[in-house]
Amino acid sequence: MHYNTFPPIKADPVEFQQKAEKLGIVVTIPEIEKTFKV
């Protein structure tokens, strides 16, 4: 999901990561042009 791609999508990935980690959920935000195996 890209921030501000469409009017209804207004998600800041860093803010999401911080909120999720407070709940004990591990979140990995990939960097642009970086790949990783899941």
Protein backbone atom coordinates (compact mmCIF):
# COMPACT_ATOMS: atom_id res chain seq x y z
CA MET A 1 0.00 0.00 0.00
CA HIS A 2 1.37 3.38 -0.91
CA TYR A 3 0.66 6.43 1.21
CA ASN A 4 -1.79 8.81 -0.49
CA THR A 5 -2.05 6.74 -3.72
CA PHE A 6 -5.84 6.93 -3.64
CA PRO A 7 -7.92 9.36 -1.57
CA PRO A 8 -9.20 6.66 0.87
CA ILE A 9 -5.68 5.27 1.49
CA LYS A 10 -3.95 7.43 4.08
CA ALA A 11 -1.71 4.98 5.92
CA ASP A 12 1.72 5.90 7.21
CA PRO A 13 3.72 2.65 7.29
CA VAL A 14 5.96 3.78 10.16
CA GLU A 15 2.96 4.79 12.27
CA PHE A 16 1.32 1.44 11.49
CA GLN A 17 4.51 -0.39 12.49
CA GLN A 18 4.70 1.46 15.81
CA LYS A 19 1.05 0.77 16.66
CA ALA A 20 1.34 -2.90 15.69
CA GLU A 21 4.50 -3.40 17.75
CA LYS A 22 2.76 -1.96 20.81
CA LEU A 23 0.30 -4.83 20.39
CA GLY A 24 3.12 -7.35 20.12
CA ILE A 25 2.90 -7.79 16.34
CA VAL A 26 6.18 -7.83 14.42
CA VAL A 27 6.01 -5.72 11.26
CA THR A 28 8.68 -5.48 8.58
CA ILE A 29 8.51 -2.43 6.32
CA PRO A 30 10.46 -3.13 3.11
CA GLU A 31 12.66 -0.41 1.72
CA ILE A 32 12.15 0.82 -1.84
CA GLU A 33 13.74 -1.56 -4.36
CA LYS A 34 14.61 -4.08 -1.62
CA THR A 35 13.32 -7.64 -1.57
CA PHE A 36 13.15 -10.25 1.16
CA LYS A 37 11.92 -13.82 1.49
CA VAL A 38 8.87 -14.55 3.60
